[in-house]
């Protein structure tokens, strides 16, 4: 995958935020935080991960499915890979 430097920085920043949120959630659990605080942290983590996934999916679509340089067989393979991953994520 050919990510631009800007895309790489954006994805790395999102992963760093996610790591921080996961650590905050772990600490909250250790400190016996109430359920609401844990759920808020968990939903923040999920949002960060969903954003990461959406960005990677968008990149995949642009690079492998709509790029006119890709031949039909490569596009078909890329589509099947994406379908498999999205299906696994949603089920």
PDB file of N, CA and C in Angstrom:
ATOM      1  N   UNK A   1       0.829  -1.170   0.000  1.00  0.00           N
ATOM      2  CA  UNK A   1       0.000   0.000   0.000  1.00  0.00           C
ATOM      3  C   UNK A   1       0.875   1.235   0.000  1.00  0.00           C
ATOM      4  N   UNK A   2       0.559   2.143  -0.865  1.00  0.00           N
ATOM      5  CA  UNK A   2       1.326   3.372  -0.968  1.00  0.00           C
ATOM      6  C   UNK A   2       0.571   4.509  -0.300  1.00  0.00           C
ATOM      7  N   UNK A   3       0.885   4.743   0.966  1.00  0.00           N
ATOM      8  CA  UNK A   3       0.287   5.847   1.690  1.00  0.00           C
ATOM      9  C   UNK A   3       1.202   7.056   1.563  1.00  0.00           C
ATOM     10  N   UNK A   4       0.600   8.215   1.401  1.00  0.00           N
ATOM     11  CA  UNK A   4       1.400   9.441   1.400  1.00  0.00           C
ATOM     12  C   UNK A   4       1.883   9.691   2.826  1.00  0.00           C
ATOM     13  N   UNK A   5       2.871  10.558   2.953  1.00  0.00           N
ATOM     14  CA  UNK A   5       3.369  10.896   4.287  1.00  0.00           C
ATOM     15  C   UNK A   5       2.250  11.483   5.145  1.00  0.00           C
ATOM     16  N   UNK A   6       1.401  12.292   4.548  1.00  0.00           N
ATOM     17  CA  UNK A   6       0.282  12.900   5.276  1.00  0.00           C
ATOM     18  C   UNK A   6      -0.683  11.819   5.771  1.00  0.00           C
ATOM     19  N   UNK A   7      -0.999  10.847   4.902  1.00  0.00           N
ATOM     20  CA  UNK A   7      -1.890   9.755   5.308  1.00  0.00           C
ATOM     21  C   UNK A   7      -1.273   8.930   6.436  1.00  0.00           C
ATOM     22  N   UNK A   8       0.008   8.640   6.318  1.00  0.00           N
ATOM     23  CA  UNK A   8       0.693   7.870   7.360  1.00  0.00           C
ATOM     24  C   UNK A   8       0.651   8.594   8.694  1.00  0.00           C
ATOM     25  N   UNK A   9       0.918   9.902   8.666  1.00  0.00           N
ATOM     26  CA  UNK A   9       0.871  10.689   9.906  1.00  0.00           C
ATOM     27  C   UNK A   9      -0.527  10.679  10.511  1.00  0.00           C
ATOM     28  N   UNK A  10      -1.543  10.831   9.673  1.00  0.00           N
ATOM     29  CA  UNK A  10      -2.928  10.824  10.152  1.00  0.00           C
ATOM     30  C   UNK A  10      -3.265   9.493  10.795  1.00  0.00           C
ATOM     31  N   UNK A  11      -2.892   8.406  10.153  1.00  0.00           N
ATOM     32  CA  UNK A  11      -3.175   7.076  10.700  1.00  0.00           C
ATOM     33  C   UNK A  11      -2.375   6.824  11.971  1.00  0.00           C
ATOM     34  N   UNK A  12      -1.108   7.202  11.973  1.00  0.00           N
ATOM     35  CA  UNK A  12      -0.274   7.013  13.165  1.00  0.00           C
ATOM     36  C   UNK A  12      -0.813   7.830  14.336  1.00  0.00           C
ATOM     37  N   UNK A  13      -1.263   9.057  14.070  1.00  0.00           N
ATOM     38  CA  UNK A  13      -1.848   9.884  15.131  1.00  0.00           C
ATOM     39  C   UNK A  13      -3.114   9.247  15.692  1.00  0.00           C
ATOM     40  N   UNK A  14      -3.931   8.694  14.820  1.00  0.00           N
ATOM     41  CA  UNK A  14      -5.157   8.039  15.263  1.00  0.00           C
ATOM     42  C   UNK A  14      -4.826   6.832  16.137  1.00  0.00           C
ATOM     43  N   UNK A  15      -3.810   6.058  15.740  1.00  0.00           N
ATOM     44  CA  UNK A  15      -3.408   4.900  16.538  1.00  0.00           C
ATOM     45  C   UNK A  15      -2.818   5.322  17.880  1.00  0.00           C
ATOM     46  N   UNK A  16      -2.096   6.427  17.887  1.00  0.00           N
ATOM     47  CA  UNK A  16      -1.555   6.932  19.154  1.00  0.00           C
ATOM     48  C   UNK A  16      -2.677   7.347  20.096  1.00  0.00           C
ATOM     49  N   UNK A  17      -3.695   8.026  19.553  1.00  0.00           N
ATOM     50  CA  UNK A  17      -4.842   8.390  20.385  1.00  0.00           C
ATOM     51  C   UNK A  17      -5.540   7.148  20.911  1.00  0.00           C
ATOM     52  N   UNK A  18      -5.675   6.161  20.063  1.00  0.00           N
ATOM     53  CA  UNK A  18      -6.324   4.913  20.472  1.00  0.00           C
ATOM     54  C   UNK A  18      -5.532   4.237  21.587  1.00  0.00           C
ATOM     55  N   UNK A  19      -4.218   4.206  21.455  1.00  0.00           N
ATOM     56  CA  UNK A  19      -3.374   3.619  22.495  1.00  0.00           C
ATOM     57  C   UNK A  19      -3.560   4.365  23.820  1.00  0.00           C
ATOM     58  N   UNK A  20      -3.604   5.691  23.757  1.00  0.00           N
ATOM     59  CA  UNK A  20      -3.825   6.486  24.959  1.00  0.00           C
ATOM     60  C   UNK A  20      -5.191   6.224  25.575  1.00  0.00           C
ATOM     61  N   UNK A  21      -6.188   6.083  24.726  1.00  0.00           N
ATOM     62  CA  UNK A  21      -7.533   5.806  25.231  1.00  0.00           C
ATOM     63  C   UNK A  21      -7.606   4.419  25.864  1.00  0.00           C
ATOM     64  N   UNK A  22      -6.939   3.455  25.269  1.00  0.00           N
ATOM     65  CA  UNK A  22      -6.931   2.104  25.836  1.00  0.00           C
ATOM     66  C   UNK A  22      -6.239   2.109  27.198  1.00  0.00           C
ATOM     67  N   UNK A  23      -5.141   2.836  27.301  1.00  0.00           N
ATOM     68  CA  UNK A  23      -4.423   2.917  28.571  1.00  0.00           C
ATOM     69  C   UNK A  23      -5.285   3.611  29.623  1.00  0.00           C
ATOM     70  N   UNK A  24      -5.980   4.670  29.241  1.00  0.00           N
ATOM     71  CA  UNK A  24      -6.868   5.363  30.181  1.00  0.00           C
ATOM     72  C   UNK A  24      -7.982   4.434  30.652  1.00  0.00           C
ATOM     73  N   UNK A  25      -8.471   3.606  29.759  1.00  0.00           N
ATOM     74  CA  UNK A  25      -9.526   2.665  30.120  1.00  0.00           C
ATOM     75  C   UNK A  25      -8.978   1.613  31.092  1.00  0.00           C
ATOM     76  N   UNK A  26      -7.778   1.138  30.851  1.00  0.00           N
ATOM     77  CA  UNK A  26      -7.166   0.157  31.751  1.00  0.00           C
ATOM     78  C   UNK A  26      -6.964   0.751  33.140  1.00  0.00           C
ATOM     79  N   UNK A  27      -6.470   1.972  33.183  1.00  0.00           N
ATOM     80  CA  UNK A  27      -6.264   2.637  34.468  1.00  0.00           C
ATOM     81  C   UNK A  27      -7.591   2.881  35.185  1.00  0.00           C
ATOM     82  N   UNK A  28      -8.600   3.272  34.439  1.00  0.00           N
ATOM     83  CA  UNK A  28      -9.921   3.500  35.036  1.00  0.00           C
ATOM     84  C   UNK A  28     -10.452   2.205  35.647  1.00  0.00           C
ATOM     85  N   UNK A  29     -10.244   1.106  34.972  1.00  0.00           N
ATOM     86  CA  UNK A  29     -10.676  -0.187  35.488  1.00  0.00           C
ATOM     87  C   UNK A  29      -9.925  -0.526  36.771  1.00  0.00           C
ATOM     88  N   UNK A  30      -8.611  -0.312  36.759  1.00  0.00           N
ATOM     89  CA  UNK A  30      -7.804  -0.581  37.957  1.00  0.00           C
ATOM     90  C   UNK A  30      -8.238   0.279  39.137  1.00  0.00           C
ATOM     91  N   UNK A  31      -8.695   1.488  38.839  1.00  0.00           N
ATOM     92  CA  UNK A  31      -9.120   2.404  39.895  1.00  0.00           C
ATOM     93  C   UNK A  31     -10.601   2.247  40.241  1.00  0.00           C
ATOM     94  N   UNK A  32     -11.204   1.165  39.741  1.00  0.00           N
ATOM     95  CA  UNK A  32     -12.615   0.873  40.009  1.00  0.00           C
ATOM     96  C   UNK A  32     -13.537   2.005  39.586  1.00  0.00           C
ATOM     97  N   UNK A  33     -13.290   2.545  38.424  1.00  0.00           N
ATOM     98  CA  UNK A  33     -14.152   3.601  37.884  1.00  0.00           C
ATOM     99  C   UNK A  33     -15.557   3.053  37.697  1.00  0.00           C
ATOM    100  N   UNK A  34     -16.512   3.942  37.703  1.00  0.00           N
ATOM    101  CA  UNK A  34     -17.885   3.470  37.527  1.00  0.00           C
ATOM    102  C   UNK A  34     -18.127   3.042  36.081  1.00  0.00           C
ATOM    103  N   UNK A  35     -19.215   2.347  35.887  1.00  0.00           N
ATOM    104  CA  UNK A  35     -19.534   1.775  34.576  1.00  0.00           C
ATOM    105  C   UNK A  35     -19.623   2.846  33.492  1.00  0.00           C
ATOM    106  N   UNK A  36     -20.202   3.989  33.838  1.00  0.00           N
ATOM    107  CA  UNK A  36     -20.367   5.053  32.855  1.00  0.00           C
ATOM    108  C   UNK A  36     -19.013   5.538  32.340  1.00  0.00           C
ATOM    109  N   UNK A  37     -18.062   5.727  33.220  1.00  0.00           N
ATOM    110  CA  UNK A  37     -16.726   6.167  32.806  1.00  0.00           C
ATOM    111  C   UNK A  37     -16.068   5.133  31.903  1.00  0.00           C
ATOM    112  N   UNK A  38     -16.200   3.858  32.258  1.00  0.00           N
ATOM    113  CA  UNK A  38     -15.614   2.799  31.427  1.00  0.00           C
ATOM    114  C   UNK A  38     -16.283   2.743  30.061  1.00  0.00           C
ATOM    115  N   UNK A  39     -17.597   2.879  30.036  1.00  0.00           N
ATOM    116  CA  UNK A  39     -18.310   2.847  28.759  1.00  0.00           C
ATOM    117  C   UNK A  39     -17.949   4.043  27.886  1.00  0.00           C
ATOM    118  N   UNK A  40     -17.766   5.209  28.496  1.00  0.00           N
ATOM    119  CA  UNK A  40     -17.359   6.382  27.727  1.00  0.00           C
ATOM    120  C   UNK A  40     -15.982   6.164  27.110  1.00  0.00           C
ATOM    121  N   UNK A  41     -15.066   5.589  27.879  1.00  0.00           N
ATOM    122  CA  UNK A  41     -13.733   5.296  27.344  1.00  0.00           C
ATOM    123  C   UNK A  41     -13.816   4.251  26.228  1.00  0.00           C
ATOM    124  N   UNK A  42     -14.640   3.234  26.444  1.00  0.00           N
ATOM    125  CA  UNK A  42     -14.769   2.172  25.442  1.00  0.00           C
ATOM    126  C   UNK A  42     -15.347   2.718  24.138  1.00  0.00           C
ATOM    127  N   UNK A  43     -16.346   3.590  24.240  1.00  0.00           N
ATOM    128  CA  UNK A  43     -16.919   4.143  23.015  1.00  0.00           C
ATOM    129  C   UNK A  43     -15.931   5.079  22.319  1.00  0.00           C
ATOM    130  N   UNK A  44     -15.100   5.778  23.086  1.00  0.00           N
ATOM    131  CA  UNK A  44     -14.060   6.618  22.479  1.00  0.00           C
ATOM    132  C   UNK A  44     -13.057   5.744  21.725  1.00  0.00           C
ATOM    133  N   UNK A  45     -12.688   4.624  22.320  1.00  0.00           N
ATOM    134  CA  UNK A  45     -11.767   3.682  21.657  1.00  0.00           C
ATOM    135  C   UNK A  45     -12.382   3.140  20.376  1.00  0.00           C
ATOM    136  N   UNK A  46     -13.638   2.766  20.476  1.00  0.00           N
ATOM    137  CA  UNK A  46     -14.317   2.222  19.294  1.00  0.00           C
ATOM    138  C   UNK A  46     -14.389   3.273  18.187  1.00  0.00           C
ATOM    139  N   UNK A  47     -14.681   4.503  18.561  1.00  0.00           N
ATOM    140  CA  UNK A  47     -14.739   5.569  17.563  1.00  0.00           C
ATOM    141  C   UNK A  47     -13.397   5.778  16.889  1.00  0.00           C
ATOM    142  N   UNK A  48     -12.325   5.759  17.671  1.00  0.00           N
ATOM    143  CA  UNK A  48     -10.988   5.930  17.101  1.00  0.00           C
ATOM    144  C   UNK A  48     -10.645   4.772  16.173  1.00  0.00           C
ATOM    145  N   UNK A  49     -10.963   3.563  16.579  1.00  0.00           N
ATOM    146  CA  UNK A  49     -10.680   2.398  15.738  1.00  0.00           C
ATOM    147  C   UNK A  49     -11.543   2.411  14.481  1.00  0.00           C
ATOM    148  N   UNK A  50     -12.821   2.767  14.622  1.00  0.00           N
ATOM    149  CA  UNK A  50     -13.693   2.856  13.450  1.00  0.00           C
ATOM    150  C   UNK A  50     -13.178   3.897  12.460  1.00  0.00           C
ATOM    151  N   UNK A  51     -12.676   5.018  12.970  1.00  0.00           N
ATOM    152  CA  UNK A  51     -12.102   6.032  12.088  1.00  0.00           C
ATOM    153  C   UNK A  51     -10.874   5.519  11.356  1.00  0.00           C
ATOM    154  N   UNK A  52     -10.033   4.778  12.062  1.00  0.00           N
ATOM    155  CA  UNK A  52      -8.856   4.172  11.435  1.00  0.00           C
ATOM    156  C   UNK A  52      -9.284   3.209  10.328  1.00  0.00           C
ATOM    157  N   UNK A  53     -10.246   2.347  10.654  1.00  0.00           N
ATOM    158  CA  UNK A  53     -10.730   1.367   9.674  1.00  0.00           C
ATOM    159  C   UNK A  53     -11.316   2.069   8.454  1.00  0.00           C
ATOM    160  N   UNK A  54     -12.115   3.106   8.672  1.00  0.00           N
ATOM    161  CA  UNK A  54     -12.733   3.826   7.558  1.00  0.00           C
ATOM    162  C   UNK A  54     -11.678   4.441   6.649  1.00  0.00           C
ATOM    163  N   UNK A  55     -10.626   4.988   7.233  1.00  0.00           N
ATOM    164  CA  UNK A  55      -9.562   5.598   6.440  1.00  0.00           C
ATOM    165  C   UNK A  55      -8.833   4.545   5.605  1.00  0.00           C
ATOM    166  N   UNK A  56      -8.555   3.393   6.194  1.00  0.00           N
ATOM    167  CA  UNK A  56      -7.865   2.332   5.457  1.00  0.00           C
ATOM    168  C   UNK A  56      -8.771   1.774   4.351  1.00  0.00           C
ATOM    169  N   UNK A  57     -10.061   1.619   4.640  1.00  0.00           N
ATOM    170  CA  UNK A  57     -10.991   1.149   3.606  1.00  0.00           C
ATOM    171  C   UNK A  57     -11.035   2.145   2.452  1.00  0.00           C
ATOM    172  N   UNK A  58     -11.137   3.429   2.779  1.00  0.00           N
ATOM    173  CA  UNK A  58     -11.163   4.450   1.731  1.00  0.00           C
ATOM    174  C   UNK A  58      -9.906   4.367   0.870  1.00  0.00           C
ATOM    175  N   UNK A  59      -8.764   4.229   1.515  1.00  0.00           N
ATOM    176  CA  UNK A  59      -7.502   4.119   0.771  1.00  0.00           C
ATOM    177  C   UNK A  59      -7.527   2.889  -0.147  1.00  0.00           C
ATOM    178  N   UNK A  60      -7.983   1.774   0.383  1.00  0.00           N
ATOM    179  CA  UNK A  60      -8.044   0.537  -0.399  1.00  0.00           C
ATOM    180  C   UNK A  60      -8.925   0.727  -1.635  1.00  0.00           C
ATOM    181  N   UNK A  61     -10.090   1.328  -1.430  1.00  0.00           N
ATOM    182  CA  UNK A  61     -11.005   1.551  -2.556  1.00  0.00           C
ATOM    183  C   UNK A  61     -10.357   2.439  -3.606  1.00  0.00           C
ATOM    184  N   UNK A  62      -9.766   3.539  -3.161  1.00  0.00           N
ATOM    185  CA  UNK A  62      -9.158   4.465  -4.118  1.00  0.00           C
ATOM    186  C   UNK A  62      -7.953   3.856  -4.837  1.00  0.00           C
ATOM    187  N   UNK A  63      -7.122   3.110  -4.105  1.00  0.00           N
ATOM    188  CA  UNK A  63      -5.895   2.552  -4.689  1.00  0.00           C
ATOM    189  C   UNK A  63      -6.146   1.327  -5.565  1.00  0.00           C
ATOM    190  N   UNK A  64      -7.106   0.507  -5.157  1.00  0.00           N
ATOM    191  CA  UNK A  64      -7.215  -0.806  -5.798  1.00  0.00           C
ATOM    192  C   UNK A  64      -8.504  -1.045  -6.573  1.00  0.00           C
ATOM    193  N   UNK A  65      -9.513  -0.236  -6.338  1.00  0.00           N
ATOM    194  CA  UNK A  65     -10.778  -0.487  -7.014  1.00  0.00           C
ATOM    195  C   UNK A  65     -11.110   0.551  -8.083  1.00  0.00           C
ATOM    196  N   UNK A  66     -10.818   1.798  -7.840  1.00  0.00           N
ATOM    197  CA  UNK A  66     -11.178   2.827  -8.808  1.00  0.00           C
ATOM    198  C   UNK A  66      -9.995   3.355  -9.611  1.00  0.00           C
ATOM    199  N   UNK A  67      -8.796   2.911  -9.293  1.00  0.00           N
ATOM    200  CA  UNK A  67      -7.606   3.338 -10.025  1.00  0.00           C
ATOM    201  C   UNK A  67      -7.628   2.716 -11.419  1.00  0.00           C
ATOM    202  N   UNK A  68      -7.692   3.530 -12.461  1.00  0.00           N
ATOM    203  CA  UNK A  68      -7.764   2.981 -13.822  1.00  0.00           C
ATOM    204  C   UNK A  68      -6.507   2.220 -14.242  1.00  0.00           C
ATOM    205  N   UNK A  69      -5.420   2.371 -13.491  1.00  0.00           N
ATOM    206  CA  UNK A  69      -4.190   1.645 -13.821  1.00  0.00           C
ATOM    207  C   UNK A  69      -4.303   0.163 -13.468  1.00  0.00           C
ATOM    208  N   UNK A  70      -5.225  -0.172 -12.564  1.00  0.00           N
ATOM    209  CA  UNK A  70      -5.400  -1.570 -12.151  1.00  0.00           C
ATOM    210  C   UNK A  70      -6.199  -2.318 -13.221  1.00  0.00           C
ATOM    211  N   UNK A  71      -5.760  -3.523 -13.565  1.00  0.00           N
ATOM    212  CA  UNK A  71      -6.539  -4.290 -14.529  1.00  0.00           C
ATOM    213  C   UNK A  71      -7.741  -4.924 -13.821  1.00  0.00           C
ATOM    214  N   UNK A  72      -8.644  -5.470 -14.598  1.00  0.00           N
ATOM    215  CA  UNK A  72      -9.911  -5.991 -14.071  1.00  0.00           C
ATOM    216  C   UNK A  72      -9.692  -7.108 -13.056  1.00  0.00           C
ATOM    217  N   UNK A  73      -8.732  -7.976 -13.294  1.00  0.00           N
ATOM    218  CA  UNK A  73      -8.468  -9.088 -12.370  1.00  0.00           C
ATOM    219  C   UNK A  73      -7.966  -8.568 -11.027  1.00  0.00           C
ATOM    220  N   UNK A  74      -7.086  -7.579 -11.056  1.00  0.00           N
ATOM    221  CA  UNK A  74      -6.579  -6.995  -9.807  1.00  0.00           C
ATOM    222  C   UNK A  74      -7.698  -6.295  -9.045  1.00  0.00           C
ATOM    223  N   UNK A  75      -8.566  -5.577  -9.776  1.00  0.00           N
ATOM    224  CA  UNK A  75      -9.694  -4.903  -9.119  1.00  0.00           C
ATOM    225  C   UNK A  75     -10.652  -5.913  -8.507  1.00  0.00           C
ATOM    226  N   UNK A  76     -10.900  -6.984  -9.229  1.00  0.00           N
ATOM    227  CA  UNK A  76     -11.799  -8.018  -8.715  1.00  0.00           C
ATOM    228  C   UNK A  76     -11.233  -8.648  -7.449  1.00  0.00           C
ATOM    229  N   UNK A  77      -9.943  -8.948  -7.457  1.00  0.00           N
ATOM    230  CA  UNK A  77      -9.288  -9.519  -6.276  1.00  0.00           C
ATOM    231  C   UNK A  77      -9.355  -8.543  -5.103  1.00  0.00           C
ATOM    232  N   UNK A  78      -9.080  -7.266  -5.364  1.00  0.00           N
ATOM    233  CA  UNK A  78      -9.129  -6.252  -4.312  1.00  0.00           C
ATOM    234  C   UNK A  78     -10.540  -6.122  -3.747  1.00  0.00           C
ATOM    235  N   UNK A  79     -11.537  -6.207  -4.599  1.00  0.00           N
ATOM    236  CA  UNK A  79     -12.931  -6.133  -4.140  1.00  0.00           C
ATOM    237  C   UNK A  79     -13.268  -7.317  -3.250  1.00  0.00           C
ATOM    238  N   UNK A  80     -12.862  -8.506  -3.651  1.00  0.00           N
ATOM    239  CA  UNK A  80     -13.122  -9.696  -2.842  1.00  0.00           C
ATOM    240  C   UNK A  80     -12.427  -9.619  -1.489  1.00  0.00           C
ATOM    241  N   UNK A  81     -11.200  -9.132  -1.472  1.00  0.00           N
ATOM    242  CA  UNK A  81     -10.479  -8.973  -0.206  1.00  0.00           C
ATOM    243  C   UNK A  81     -11.226  -8.012   0.714  1.00  0.00           C
ATOM    244  N   UNK A  82     -11.669  -6.903   0.154  1.00  0.00           N
ATOM    245  CA  UNK A  82     -12.389  -5.908   0.945  1.00  0.00           C
ATOM    246  C   UNK A  82     -13.711  -6.473   1.465  1.00  0.00           C
ATOM    247  N   UNK A  83     -14.433  -7.165   0.623  1.00  0.00           N
ATOM    248  CA  UNK A  83     -15.697  -7.775   1.040  1.00  0.00           C
ATOM    249  C   UNK A  83     -15.457  -8.743   2.191  1.00  0.00           C
ATOM    250  N   UNK A  84     -14.426  -9.555   2.093  1.00  0.00           N
ATOM    251  CA  UNK A  84     -14.111 -10.530   3.143  1.00  0.00           C
ATOM    252  C   UNK A  84     -13.806  -9.816   4.466  1.00  0.00           C
ATOM    253  N   UNK A  85     -12.974  -8.787   4.426  1.00  0.00           N
ATOM    254  CA  UNK A  85     -12.598  -8.078   5.643  1.00  0.00           C
ATOM    255  C   UNK A  85     -13.798  -7.347   6.240  1.00  0.00           C
ATOM    256  N   UNK A  86     -14.579  -6.669   5.418  1.00  0.00           N
ATOM    257  CA  UNK A  86     -15.746  -5.942   5.936  1.00  0.00           C
ATOM    258  C   UNK A  86     -16.760  -6.924   6.524  1.00  0.00           C
ATOM    259  N   UNK A  87     -16.966  -8.026   5.849  1.00  0.00           N
ATOM    260  CA  UNK A  87     -17.897  -9.030   6.366  1.00  0.00           C
ATOM    261  C   UNK A  87     -17.416  -9.553   7.728  1.00  0.00           C
ATOM    262  N   UNK A  88     -16.144  -9.850   7.833  1.00  0.00           N
ATOM    263  CA  UNK A  88     -15.598 -10.333   9.116  1.00  0.00           C
ATOM    264  C   UNK A  88     -15.739  -9.286  10.212  1.00  0.00           C
ATOM    265  N   UNK A  89     -15.571  -8.022   9.859  1.00  0.00           N
ATOM    266  CA  UNK A  89     -15.677  -6.941  10.843  1.00  0.00           C
ATOM    267  C   UNK A  89     -17.120  -6.765  11.325  1.00  0.00           C
ATOM    268  N   UNK A  90     -18.056  -6.906  10.422  1.00  0.00           N
ATOM    269  CA  UNK A  90     -19.460  -6.623  10.761  1.00  0.00           C
ATOM    270  C   UNK A  90     -20.193  -7.808  11.378  1.00  0.00           C
ATOM    271  N   UNK A  91     -19.623  -8.986  11.267  1.00  0.00           N
ATOM    272  CA  UNK A  91     -20.350 -10.153  11.814  1.00  0.00           C
ATOM    273  C   UNK A  91     -19.603 -10.773  12.966  1.00  0.00           C
TER     274      UNK A  91
END
